[in-house]
């Protein structure tokens, strides 16, 4: 799977996320968030060599339970999962390297 470019308003529940197999990145944010927009080129560069990693952009905000389950406070928050378990997290990535470092923890 490749990088997703649109935050989805779907509200996955925590149990669905826990049942995901393999490496996954949950990206919490919104389309209008300036920090989220600034992170996109860094994320795209970091994911370029990892087409096998599932990337799910989750629209976050009031009433969105999944963001609360993952204690998201700032956008974007990238949660790196292996078989549904969190192994790394990057909040407001300042560089491509911070994303690449986290990717190494879930890349096969």
PDB file of N, CA and C in Angstrom:
ATOM      1  N   UNK A   1       0.853  -1.175   0.000  1.00  0.00           N
ATOM      2  CA  UNK A   1       0.000   0.000   0.000  1.00  0.00           C
ATOM      3  C   UNK A   1       0.898   1.236   0.000  1.00  0.00           C
ATOM      4  N   UNK A   2       0.467   2.275  -0.603  1.00  0.00           N
ATOM      5  CA  UNK A   2       1.271   3.487  -0.675  1.00  0.00           C
ATOM      6  C   UNK A   2       0.691   4.582   0.209  1.00  0.00           C
ATOM      7  N   UNK A   3       1.344   5.723   0.172  1.00  0.00           N
ATOM      8  CA  UNK A   3       0.929   6.855   0.996  1.00  0.00           C
ATOM      9  C   UNK A   3      -0.474   7.314   0.627  1.00  0.00           C
ATOM     10  N   UNK A   4      -1.242   7.621   1.640  1.00  0.00           N
ATOM     11  CA  UNK A   4      -2.573   8.187   1.460  1.00  0.00           C
ATOM     12  C   UNK A   4      -2.451   9.706   1.517  1.00  0.00           C
ATOM     13  N   UNK A   5      -3.264  10.420   0.737  1.00  0.00           N
ATOM     14  CA  UNK A   5      -3.155  11.867   0.678  1.00  0.00           C
ATOM     15  C   UNK A   5      -4.342  12.601   1.288  1.00  0.00           C
ATOM     16  N   UNK A   6      -5.400  11.877   1.637  1.00  0.00           N
ATOM     17  CA  UNK A   6      -6.598  12.504   2.181  1.00  0.00           C
ATOM     18  C   UNK A   6      -6.942  11.882   3.527  1.00  0.00           C
ATOM     19  N   UNK A   7      -7.202  12.740   4.508  1.00  0.00           N
ATOM     20  CA  UNK A   7      -7.649  12.238   5.804  1.00  0.00           C
ATOM     21  C   UNK A   7      -9.066  11.719   5.652  1.00  0.00           C
ATOM     22  N   UNK A   8      -9.294  10.518   6.149  1.00  0.00           N
ATOM     23  CA  UNK A   8     -10.600   9.879   6.036  1.00  0.00           C
ATOM     24  C   UNK A   8     -11.424  10.157   7.292  1.00  0.00           C
ATOM     25  N   UNK A   9     -12.695  10.551   7.098  1.00  0.00           N
ATOM     26  CA  UNK A   9     -13.543  10.796   8.268  1.00  0.00           C
ATOM     27  C   UNK A   9     -14.074   9.514   8.900  1.00  0.00           C
ATOM     28  N   UNK A  10     -13.658   8.352   8.402  1.00  0.00           N
ATOM     29  CA  UNK A  10     -14.115   7.093   8.988  1.00  0.00           C
ATOM     30  C   UNK A  10     -13.583   6.986  10.405  1.00  0.00           C
ATOM     31  N   UNK A  11     -14.374   6.429  11.259  1.00  0.00           N
ATOM     32  CA  UNK A  11     -13.971   6.300  12.649  1.00  0.00           C
ATOM     33  C   UNK A  11     -13.754   4.830  12.958  1.00  0.00           C
ATOM     34  N   UNK A  12     -12.539   4.359  12.676  1.00  0.00           N
ATOM     35  CA  UNK A  12     -12.178   2.999  13.067  1.00  0.00           C
ATOM     36  C   UNK A  12     -12.254   2.913  14.580  1.00  0.00           C
ATOM     37  N   UNK A  13     -12.531   1.743  15.089  1.00  0.00           N
ATOM     38  CA  UNK A  13     -12.479   1.629  16.538  1.00  0.00           C
ATOM     39  C   UNK A  13     -11.155   0.975  16.937  1.00  0.00           C
ATOM     40  N   UNK A  14     -10.852   1.099  18.187  1.00  0.00           N
ATOM     41  CA  UNK A  14      -9.565   0.631  18.696  1.00  0.00           C
ATOM     42  C   UNK A  14      -9.391  -0.871  18.467  1.00  0.00           C
ATOM     43  N   UNK A  15     -10.441  -1.635  18.590  1.00  0.00           N
ATOM     44  CA  UNK A  15     -10.361  -3.087  18.380  1.00  0.00           C
ATOM     45  C   UNK A  15     -10.027  -3.414  16.921  1.00  0.00           C
ATOM     46  N   UNK A  16     -10.584  -2.664  15.970  1.00  0.00           N
ATOM     47  CA  UNK A  16     -10.246  -2.878  14.566  1.00  0.00           C
ATOM     48  C   UNK A  16      -8.770  -2.602  14.317  1.00  0.00           C
ATOM     49  N   UNK A  17      -8.258  -1.557  14.923  1.00  0.00           N
ATOM     50  CA  UNK A  17      -6.843  -1.218  14.767  1.00  0.00           C
ATOM     51  C   UNK A  17      -5.975  -2.309  15.378  1.00  0.00           C
ATOM     52  N   UNK A  18      -6.350  -2.809  16.534  1.00  0.00           N
ATOM     53  CA  UNK A  18      -5.572  -3.857  17.192  1.00  0.00           C
ATOM     54  C   UNK A  18      -5.530  -5.146  16.364  1.00  0.00           C
ATOM     55  N   UNK A  19      -6.515  -5.352  15.498  1.00  0.00           N
ATOM     56  CA  UNK A  19      -6.557  -6.575  14.695  1.00  0.00           C
ATOM     57  C   UNK A  19      -5.789  -6.450  13.371  1.00  0.00           C
ATOM     58  N   UNK A  20      -5.239  -5.265  13.077  1.00  0.00           N
ATOM     59  CA  UNK A  20      -4.467  -5.087  11.840  1.00  0.00           C
ATOM     60  C   UNK A  20      -3.198  -5.920  11.890  1.00  0.00           C
ATOM     61  N   UNK A  21      -2.910  -6.622  10.825  1.00  0.00           N
ATOM     62  CA  UNK A  21      -1.705  -7.445  10.736  1.00  0.00           C
ATOM     63  C   UNK A  21      -0.645  -6.706   9.940  1.00  0.00           C
ATOM     64  N   UNK A  22       0.593  -6.867  10.355  1.00  0.00           N
ATOM     65  CA  UNK A  22       1.702  -6.269   9.635  1.00  0.00           C
ATOM     66  C   UNK A  22       1.960  -4.840  10.068  1.00  0.00           C
ATOM     67  N   UNK A  23       2.883  -4.170   9.347  1.00  0.00           N
ATOM     68  CA  UNK A  23       3.246  -2.799   9.690  1.00  0.00           C
ATOM     69  C   UNK A  23       2.205  -1.793   9.201  1.00  0.00           C
ATOM     70  N   UNK A  24       1.875  -0.843  10.054  1.00  0.00           N
ATOM     71  CA  UNK A  24       0.852   0.163   9.748  1.00  0.00           C
ATOM     72  C   UNK A  24       1.257   1.494  10.366  1.00  0.00           C
ATOM     73  N   UNK A  25       0.970   2.577   9.652  1.00  0.00           N
ATOM     74  CA  UNK A  25       1.120   3.914  10.211  1.00  0.00           C
ATOM     75  C   UNK A  25      -0.262   4.539  10.275  1.00  0.00           C
ATOM     76  N   UNK A  26      -0.659   4.979  11.460  1.00  0.00           N
ATOM     77  CA  UNK A  26      -1.864   5.787  11.620  1.00  0.00           C
ATOM     78  C   UNK A  26      -1.402   7.227  11.695  1.00  0.00           C
ATOM     79  N   UNK A  27      -1.927   8.059  10.824  1.00  0.00           N
ATOM     80  CA  UNK A  27      -1.588   9.482  10.822  1.00  0.00           C
ATOM     81  C   UNK A  27      -2.832  10.260  11.224  1.00  0.00           C
ATOM     82  N   UNK A  28      -2.799  10.846  12.402  1.00  0.00           N
ATOM     83  CA  UNK A  28      -3.922  11.633  12.899  1.00  0.00           C
ATOM     84  C   UNK A  28      -3.713  13.098  12.555  1.00  0.00           C
ATOM     85  N   UNK A  29      -4.750  13.733  11.996  1.00  0.00           N
ATOM     86  CA  UNK A  29      -4.678  15.149  11.658  1.00  0.00           C
ATOM     87  C   UNK A  29      -5.918  15.580  10.908  1.00  0.00           C
ATOM     88  N   UNK A  30      -5.821  16.711  10.214  1.00  0.00           N
ATOM     89  CA  UNK A  30      -6.919  17.211   9.382  1.00  0.00           C
ATOM     90  C   UNK A  30      -6.340  17.868   8.137  1.00  0.00           C
ATOM     91  N   UNK A  31      -7.169  18.004   7.110  1.00  0.00           N
ATOM     92  CA  UNK A  31      -6.741  18.619   5.852  1.00  0.00           C
ATOM     93  C   UNK A  31      -6.347  20.077   6.035  1.00  0.00           C
ATOM     94  N   UNK A  32      -7.003  20.795   6.944  1.00  0.00           N
ATOM     95  CA  UNK A  32      -6.784  22.231   7.085  1.00  0.00           C
ATOM     96  C   UNK A  32      -5.651  22.583   8.037  1.00  0.00           C
ATOM     97  N   UNK A  33      -5.077  21.629   8.701  1.00  0.00           N
ATOM     98  CA  UNK A  33      -4.022  21.869   9.685  1.00  0.00           C
ATOM     99  C   UNK A  33      -2.701  22.209   8.988  1.00  0.00           C
ATOM    100  N   UNK A  34      -2.152  23.373   9.298  1.00  0.00           N
ATOM    101  CA  UNK A  34      -0.891  23.796   8.700  1.00  0.00           C
ATOM    102  C   UNK A  34       0.274  22.878   9.036  1.00  0.00           C
ATOM    103  N   UNK A  35       0.328  22.379  10.277  1.00  0.00           N
ATOM    104  CA  UNK A  35       1.388  21.451  10.658  1.00  0.00           C
ATOM    105  C   UNK A  35       1.275  20.146   9.875  1.00  0.00           C
ATOM    106  N   UNK A  36       0.037  19.693   9.654  1.00  0.00           N
ATOM    107  CA  UNK A  36      -0.199  18.468   8.878  1.00  0.00           C
ATOM    108  C   UNK A  36       0.250  18.667   7.433  1.00  0.00           C
ATOM    109  N   UNK A  37      -0.090  19.800   6.861  1.00  0.00           N
ATOM    110  CA  UNK A  37       0.297  20.097   5.489  1.00  0.00           C
ATOM    111  C   UNK A  37       1.820  20.160   5.362  1.00  0.00           C
ATOM    112  N   UNK A  38       2.487  20.769   6.328  1.00  0.00           N
ATOM    113  CA  UNK A  38       3.945  20.888   6.289  1.00  0.00           C
ATOM    114  C   UNK A  38       4.630  19.530   6.421  1.00  0.00           C
ATOM    115  N   UNK A  39       3.992  18.583   7.076  1.00  0.00           N
ATOM    116  CA  UNK A  39       4.586  17.255   7.278  1.00  0.00           C
ATOM    117  C   UNK A  39       4.474  16.363   6.048  1.00  0.00           C
ATOM    118  N   UNK A  40       3.576  16.677   5.133  1.00  0.00           N
ATOM    119  CA  UNK A  40       3.323  15.768   4.016  1.00  0.00           C
ATOM    120  C   UNK A  40       4.544  15.475   3.138  1.00  0.00           C
ATOM    121  N   UNK A  41       5.333  16.473   2.732  1.00  0.00           N
ATOM    122  CA  UNK A  41       6.514  16.145   1.923  1.00  0.00           C
ATOM    123  C   UNK A  41       7.516  15.261   2.672  1.00  0.00           C
ATOM    124  N   UNK A  42       7.677  15.480   3.972  1.00  0.00           N
ATOM    125  CA  UNK A  42       8.582  14.658   4.775  1.00  0.00           C
ATOM    126  C   UNK A  42       8.080  13.222   4.832  1.00  0.00           C
ATOM    127  N   UNK A  43       6.790  13.072   5.036  1.00  0.00           N
ATOM    128  CA  UNK A  43       6.187  11.742   5.108  1.00  0.00           C
ATOM    129  C   UNK A  43       6.275  11.034   3.763  1.00  0.00           C
ATOM    130  N   UNK A  44       5.997  11.752   2.697  1.00  0.00           N
ATOM    131  CA  UNK A  44       6.066  11.153   1.362  1.00  0.00           C
ATOM    132  C   UNK A  44       7.482  10.680   1.050  1.00  0.00           C
ATOM    133  N   UNK A  45       8.482  11.476   1.385  1.00  0.00           N
ATOM    134  CA  UNK A  45       9.873  11.082   1.165  1.00  0.00           C
ATOM    135  C   UNK A  45      10.228   9.850   1.983  1.00  0.00           C
ATOM    136  N   UNK A  46       9.842   9.830   3.239  1.00  0.00           N
ATOM    137  CA  UNK A  46      10.160   8.704   4.115  1.00  0.00           C
ATOM    138  C   UNK A  46       9.468   7.423   3.670  1.00  0.00           C
ATOM    139  N   UNK A  47       8.238   7.532   3.168  1.00  0.00           N
ATOM    140  CA  UNK A  47       7.482   6.349   2.755  1.00  0.00           C
ATOM    141  C   UNK A  47       7.829   5.856   1.356  1.00  0.00           C
ATOM    142  N   UNK A  48       8.581   6.633   0.610  1.00  0.00           N
ATOM    143  CA  UNK A  48       8.884   6.286  -0.786  1.00  0.00           C
ATOM    144  C   UNK A  48       9.495   4.886  -0.922  1.00  0.00           C
ATOM    145  N   UNK A  49      10.290   4.476   0.020  1.00  0.00           N
ATOM    146  CA  UNK A  49      10.956   3.167  -0.039  1.00  0.00           C
ATOM    147  C   UNK A  49      10.201   2.076   0.725  1.00  0.00           C
ATOM    148  N   UNK A  50       8.992   2.393   1.192  1.00  0.00           N
ATOM    149  CA  UNK A  50       8.246   1.444   2.030  1.00  0.00           C
ATOM    150  C   UNK A  50       6.818   1.262   1.527  1.00  0.00           C
ATOM    151  N   UNK A  51       6.668   0.886   0.264  1.00  0.00           N
ATOM    152  CA  UNK A  51       5.339   0.699  -0.319  1.00  0.00           C
ATOM    153  C   UNK A  51       4.546  -0.431   0.304  1.00  0.00           C
ATOM    154  N   UNK A  52       5.203  -1.263   1.097  1.00  0.00           N
ATOM    155  CA  UNK A  52       4.531  -2.399   1.734  1.00  0.00           C
ATOM    156  C   UNK A  52       3.911  -2.040   3.078  1.00  0.00           C
ATOM    157  N   UNK A  53       4.138  -0.835   3.544  1.00  0.00           N
ATOM    158  CA  UNK A  53       3.605  -0.429   4.846  1.00  0.00           C
ATOM    159  C   UNK A  53       2.258   0.264   4.661  1.00  0.00           C
ATOM    160  N   UNK A  54       1.263  -0.217   5.386  1.00  0.00           N
ATOM    161  CA  UNK A  54      -0.080   0.364   5.335  1.00  0.00           C
ATOM    162  C   UNK A  54      -0.053   1.742   5.973  1.00  0.00           C
ATOM    163  N   UNK A  55      -0.634   2.720   5.286  1.00  0.00           N
ATOM    164  CA  UNK A  55      -0.684   4.103   5.780  1.00  0.00           C
ATOM    165  C   UNK A  55      -2.147   4.524   5.813  1.00  0.00           C
ATOM    166  N   UNK A  56      -2.642   4.859   6.985  1.00  0.00           N
ATOM    167  CA  UNK A  56      -4.037   5.262   7.146  1.00  0.00           C
ATOM    168  C   UNK A  56      -4.071   6.663   7.736  1.00  0.00           C
ATOM    169  N   UNK A  57      -4.618   7.603   6.982  1.00  0.00           N
ATOM    170  CA  UNK A  57      -4.790   8.972   7.467  1.00  0.00           C
ATOM    171  C   UNK A  57      -6.148   9.039   8.156  1.00  0.00           C
ATOM    172  N   UNK A  58      -6.134   9.355   9.424  1.00  0.00           N
ATOM    173  CA  UNK A  58      -7.354   9.384  10.224  1.00  0.00           C
ATOM    174  C   UNK A  58      -7.682  10.835  10.554  1.00  0.00           C
ATOM    175  N   UNK A  59      -8.832  11.303  10.074  1.00  0.00           N
ATOM    176  CA  UNK A  59      -9.277  12.649  10.425  1.00  0.00           C
ATOM    177  C   UNK A  59      -9.598  12.674  11.912  1.00  0.00           C
ATOM    178  N   UNK A  60      -8.970  13.593  12.610  1.00  0.00           N
ATOM    179  CA  UNK A  60      -9.137  13.666  14.054  1.00  0.00           C
ATOM    180  C   UNK A  60      -9.896  14.937  14.427  1.00  0.00           C
ATOM    181  N   UNK A  61     -10.396  14.979  15.622  1.00  0.00           N
ATOM    182  CA  UNK A  61     -11.116  16.146  16.109  1.00  0.00           C
ATOM    183  C   UNK A  61     -12.171  15.749  17.116  1.00  0.00           C
ATOM    184  N   UNK A  62     -12.992  16.715  17.458  1.00  0.00           N
ATOM    185  CA  UNK A  62     -14.055  16.496  18.445  1.00  0.00           C
ATOM    186  C   UNK A  62     -14.939  15.324  18.021  1.00  0.00           C
ATOM    187  N   UNK A  63     -15.191  14.433  18.958  1.00  0.00           N
ATOM    188  CA  UNK A  63     -16.066  13.297  18.713  1.00  0.00           C
ATOM    189  C   UNK A  63     -15.402  12.121  18.020  1.00  0.00           C
ATOM    190  N   UNK A  64     -14.124  12.209  17.736  1.00  0.00           N
ATOM    191  CA  UNK A  64     -13.396  11.110  17.085  1.00  0.00           C
ATOM    192  C   UNK A  64     -12.716  10.273  18.162  1.00  0.00           C
ATOM    193  N   UNK A  65     -13.248   9.098  18.377  1.00  0.00           N
ATOM    194  CA  UNK A  65     -12.812   8.269  19.494  1.00  0.00           C
ATOM    195  C   UNK A  65     -11.422   7.671  19.322  1.00  0.00           C
ATOM    196  N   UNK A  66     -11.041   7.346  18.090  1.00  0.00           N
ATOM    197  CA  UNK A  66      -9.760   6.681  17.899  1.00  0.00           C
ATOM    198  C   UNK A  66      -8.600   7.578  18.328  1.00  0.00           C
ATOM    199  N   UNK A  67      -8.671   8.848  18.003  1.00  0.00           N
ATOM    200  CA  UNK A  67      -7.636   9.776  18.437  1.00  0.00           C
ATOM    201  C   UNK A  67      -7.526   9.839  19.949  1.00  0.00           C
ATOM    202  N   UNK A  68      -8.657   9.786  20.633  1.00  0.00           N
ATOM    203  CA  UNK A  68      -8.637   9.802  22.095  1.00  0.00           C
ATOM    204  C   UNK A  68      -8.046   8.499  22.631  1.00  0.00           C
ATOM    205  N   UNK A  69      -8.368   7.374  21.987  1.00  0.00           N
ATOM    206  CA  UNK A  69      -7.834   6.089  22.430  1.00  0.00           C
ATOM    207  C   UNK A  69      -6.306   6.067  22.343  1.00  0.00           C
ATOM    208  N   UNK A  70      -5.757   6.797  21.367  1.00  0.00           N
ATOM    209  CA  UNK A  70      -4.304   6.874  21.211  1.00  0.00           C
ATOM    210  C   UNK A  70      -3.710   8.116  21.869  1.00  0.00           C
ATOM    211  N   UNK A  71      -4.484   8.824  22.669  1.00  0.00           N
ATOM    212  CA  UNK A  71      -4.031   9.993  23.425  1.00  0.00           C
ATOM    213  C   UNK A  71      -3.388  11.057  22.527  1.00  0.00           C
ATOM    214  N   UNK A  72      -3.992  11.284  21.373  1.00  0.00           N
ATOM    215  CA  UNK A  72      -3.484  12.292  20.441  1.00  0.00           C
ATOM    216  C   UNK A  72      -3.799  13.678  20.997  1.00  0.00           C
ATOM    217  N   UNK A  73      -2.781  14.505  21.096  1.00  0.00           N
ATOM    218  CA  UNK A  73      -2.929  15.874  21.605  1.00  0.00           C
ATOM    219  C   UNK A  73      -2.596  16.908  20.539  1.00  0.00           C
ATOM    220  N   UNK A  74      -1.627  16.623  19.679  1.00  0.00           N
ATOM    221  CA  UNK A  74      -1.184  17.543  18.638  1.00  0.00           C
ATOM    222  C   UNK A  74      -1.233  16.855  17.275  1.00  0.00           C
ATOM    223  N   UNK A  75      -1.416  17.663  16.240  1.00  0.00           N
ATOM    224  CA  UNK A  75      -1.427  17.137  14.871  1.00  0.00           C
ATOM    225  C   UNK A  75      -0.200  17.607  14.123  1.00  0.00           C
ATOM    226  N   UNK A  76       0.276  16.846  13.194  1.00  0.00           N
ATOM    227  CA  UNK A  76      -0.057  15.440  13.010  1.00  0.00           C
ATOM    228  C   UNK A  76       0.658  14.574  14.044  1.00  0.00           C
ATOM    229  N   UNK A  77       0.013  13.495  14.393  1.00  0.00           N
ATOM    230  CA  UNK A  77       0.626  12.463  15.216  1.00  0.00           C
ATOM    231  C   UNK A  77       0.680  11.202  14.373  1.00  0.00           C
ATOM    232  N   UNK A  78       1.875  10.653  14.236  1.00  0.00           N
ATOM    233  CA  UNK A  78       2.082   9.419  13.487  1.00  0.00           C
ATOM    234  C   UNK A  78       2.301   8.295  14.493  1.00  0.00           C
ATOM    235  N   UNK A  79       1.448   7.283  14.435  1.00  0.00           N
ATOM    236  CA  UNK A  79       1.561   6.134  15.321  1.00  0.00           C
ATOM    237  C   UNK A  79       1.972   4.948  14.463  1.00  0.00           C
ATOM    238  N   UNK A  80       3.104   4.348  14.793  1.00  0.00           N
ATOM    239  CA  UNK A  80       3.670   3.240  14.031  1.00  0.00           C
ATOM    240  C   UNK A  80       3.309   1.938  14.746  1.00  0.00           C
ATOM    241  N   UNK A  81       2.607   1.071  14.036  1.00  0.00           N
ATOM    242  CA  UNK A  81       2.095  -0.164  14.621  1.00  0.00           C
ATOM    243  C   UNK A  81       2.705  -1.383  13.944  1.00  0.00           C
ATOM    244  N   UNK A  82       2.905  -2.423  14.725  1.00  0.00           N
ATOM    245  CA  UNK A  82       3.270  -3.737  14.197  1.00  0.00           C
ATOM    246  C   UNK A  82       2.247  -4.708  14.756  1.00  0.00           C
ATOM    247  N   UNK A  83       1.472  -5.316  13.867  1.00  0.00           N
ATOM    248  CA  UNK A  83       0.400  -6.237  14.261  1.00  0.00           C
ATOM    249  C   UNK A  83      -0.532  -5.608  15.299  1.00  0.00           C
ATOM    250  N   UNK A  84      -0.883  -4.341  15.071  1.00  0.00           N
ATOM    251  CA  UNK A  84      -1.850  -3.651  15.905  1.00  0.00           C
ATOM    252  C   UNK A  84      -1.315  -3.074  17.202  1.00  0.00           C
ATOM    253  N   UNK A  85      -0.027  -3.259  17.473  1.00  0.00           N
ATOM    254  CA  UNK A  85       0.574  -2.753  18.707  1.00  0.00           C
ATOM    255  C   UNK A  85       1.491  -1.572  18.392  1.00  0.00           C
ATOM    256  N   UNK A  86       1.372  -0.504  19.156  1.00  0.00           N
ATOM    257  CA  UNK A  86       2.215   0.669  18.950  1.00  0.00           C
ATOM    258  C   UNK A  86       3.658   0.363  19.323  1.00  0.00           C
ATOM    259  N   UNK A  87       4.574   0.691  18.388  1.00  0.00           N
ATOM    260  CA  UNK A  87       5.996   0.504  18.659  1.00  0.00           C
ATOM    261  C   UNK A  87       6.775   1.820  18.576  1.00  0.00           C
ATOM    262  N   UNK A  88       6.182   2.827  17.956  1.00  0.00           N
ATOM    263  CA  UNK A  88       6.841   4.127  17.858  1.00  0.00           C
ATOM    264  C   UNK A  88       5.779   5.196  17.606  1.00  0.00           C
ATOM    265  N   UNK A  89       6.183   6.463  17.858  1.00  0.00           N
ATOM    266  CA  UNK A  89       5.276   7.583  17.658  1.00  0.00           C
ATOM    267  C   UNK A  89       6.114   8.812  17.320  1.00  0.00           C
ATOM    268  N   UNK A  90       5.647   9.592  16.353  1.00  0.00           N
ATOM    269  CA  UNK A  90       6.287  10.857  16.004  1.00  0.00           C
ATOM    270  C   UNK A  90       5.195  11.921  15.990  1.00  0.00           C
ATOM    271  N   UNK A  91       5.396  12.968  16.775  1.00  0.00           N
ATOM    272  CA  UNK A  91       4.438  14.060  16.841  1.00  0.00           C
ATOM    273  C   UNK A  91       5.057  15.277  16.167  1.00  0.00           C
ATOM    274  N   UNK A  92       4.326  15.862  15.234  1.00  0.00           N
ATOM    275  CA  UNK A  92       4.795  17.023  14.467  1.00  0.00           C
ATOM    276  C   UNK A  92       6.233  16.821  13.987  1.00  0.00           C
ATOM    277  N   UNK A  93       6.397  15.876  13.054  1.00  0.00           N
ATOM    278  CA  UNK A  93       7.750  15.552  12.598  1.00  0.00           C
ATOM    279  C   UNK A  93       8.493  16.777  12.083  1.00  0.00           C
ATOM    280  N   UNK A  94       9.702  16.967  12.609  1.00  0.00           N
ATOM    281  CA  UNK A  94      10.519  18.102  12.205  1.00  0.00           C
ATOM    282  C   UNK A  94      11.445  17.769  11.053  1.00  0.00           C
ATOM    283  N   UNK A  95      11.598  16.475  10.787  1.00  0.00           N
ATOM    284  CA  UNK A  95      12.493  16.059   9.714  1.00  0.00           C
ATOM    285  C   UNK A  95      12.043  14.721   9.140  1.00  0.00           C
ATOM    286  N   UNK A  96      12.532  14.443   7.959  1.00  0.00           N
ATOM    287  CA  UNK A  96      12.278  13.139   7.346  1.00  0.00           C
ATOM    288  C   UNK A  96      12.947  12.054   8.172  1.00  0.00           C
ATOM    289  N   UNK A  97      14.109  12.359   8.744  1.00  0.00           N
ATOM    290  CA  UNK A  97      14.850  11.363   9.519  1.00  0.00           C
ATOM    291  C   UNK A  97      14.069  10.855  10.721  1.00  0.00           C
ATOM    292  N   UNK A  98      13.304  11.714  11.384  1.00  0.00           N
ATOM    293  CA  UNK A  98      12.525  11.255  12.540  1.00  0.00           C
ATOM    294  C   UNK A  98      11.480  10.226  12.107  1.00  0.00           C
ATOM    295  N   UNK A  99      10.930  10.406  10.923  1.00  0.00           N
ATOM    296  CA  UNK A  99       9.953   9.439  10.402  1.00  0.00           C
ATOM    297  C   UNK A  99      10.667   8.162   9.981  1.00  0.00           C
ATOM    298  N   UNK A 100      11.795   8.302   9.293  1.00  0.00           N
ATOM    299  CA  UNK A 100      12.560   7.123   8.854  1.00  0.00           C
ATOM    300  C   UNK A 100      13.011   6.282  10.040  1.00  0.00           C
ATOM    301  N   UNK A 101      13.434   6.924  11.123  1.00  0.00           N
ATOM    302  CA  UNK A 101      13.856   6.191  12.320  1.00  0.00           C
ATOM    303  C   UNK A 101      12.709   5.345  12.871  1.00  0.00           C
ATOM    304  N   UNK A 102      11.516   5.926  12.927  1.00  0.00           N
ATOM    305  CA  UNK A 102      10.353   5.169  13.409  1.00  0.00           C
ATOM    306  C   UNK A 102       9.968   4.055  12.435  1.00  0.00           C
ATOM    307  N   UNK A 103      10.083   4.331  11.143  1.00  0.00           N
ATOM    308  CA  UNK A 103       9.775   3.318  10.129  1.00  0.00           C
ATOM    309  C   UNK A 103      10.668   2.084  10.281  1.00  0.00           C
ATOM    310  N   UNK A 104      11.918   2.307  10.643  1.00  0.00           N
ATOM    311  CA  UNK A 104      12.839   1.179  10.825  1.00  0.00           C
ATOM    312  C   UNK A 104      12.358   0.210  11.886  1.00  0.00           C
ATOM    313  N   UNK A 105      11.579   0.686  12.811  1.00  0.00           N
ATOM    314  CA  UNK A 105      11.083  -0.176  13.896  1.00  0.00           C
ATOM    315  C   UNK A 105       9.969  -1.102  13.445  1.00  0.00           C
ATOM    316  N   UNK A 106       9.307  -0.761  12.310  1.00  0.00           N
ATOM    317  CA  UNK A 106       8.215  -1.601  11.832  1.00  0.00           C
ATOM    318  C   UNK A 106       8.481  -2.203  10.454  1.00  0.00           C
ATOM    319  N   UNK A 107       9.528  -1.746   9.765  1.00  0.00           N
ATOM    320  CA  UNK A 107       9.824  -2.243   8.420  1.00  0.00           C
ATOM    321  C   UNK A 107      10.349  -3.669   8.502  1.00  0.00           C
ATOM    322  N   UNK A 108       9.893  -4.480   7.570  1.00  0.00           N
ATOM    323  CA  UNK A 108      10.308  -5.903   7.567  1.00  0.00           C
ATOM    324  C   UNK A 108      11.724  -6.076   7.059  1.00  0.00           C
TER     325      UNK A 108
END
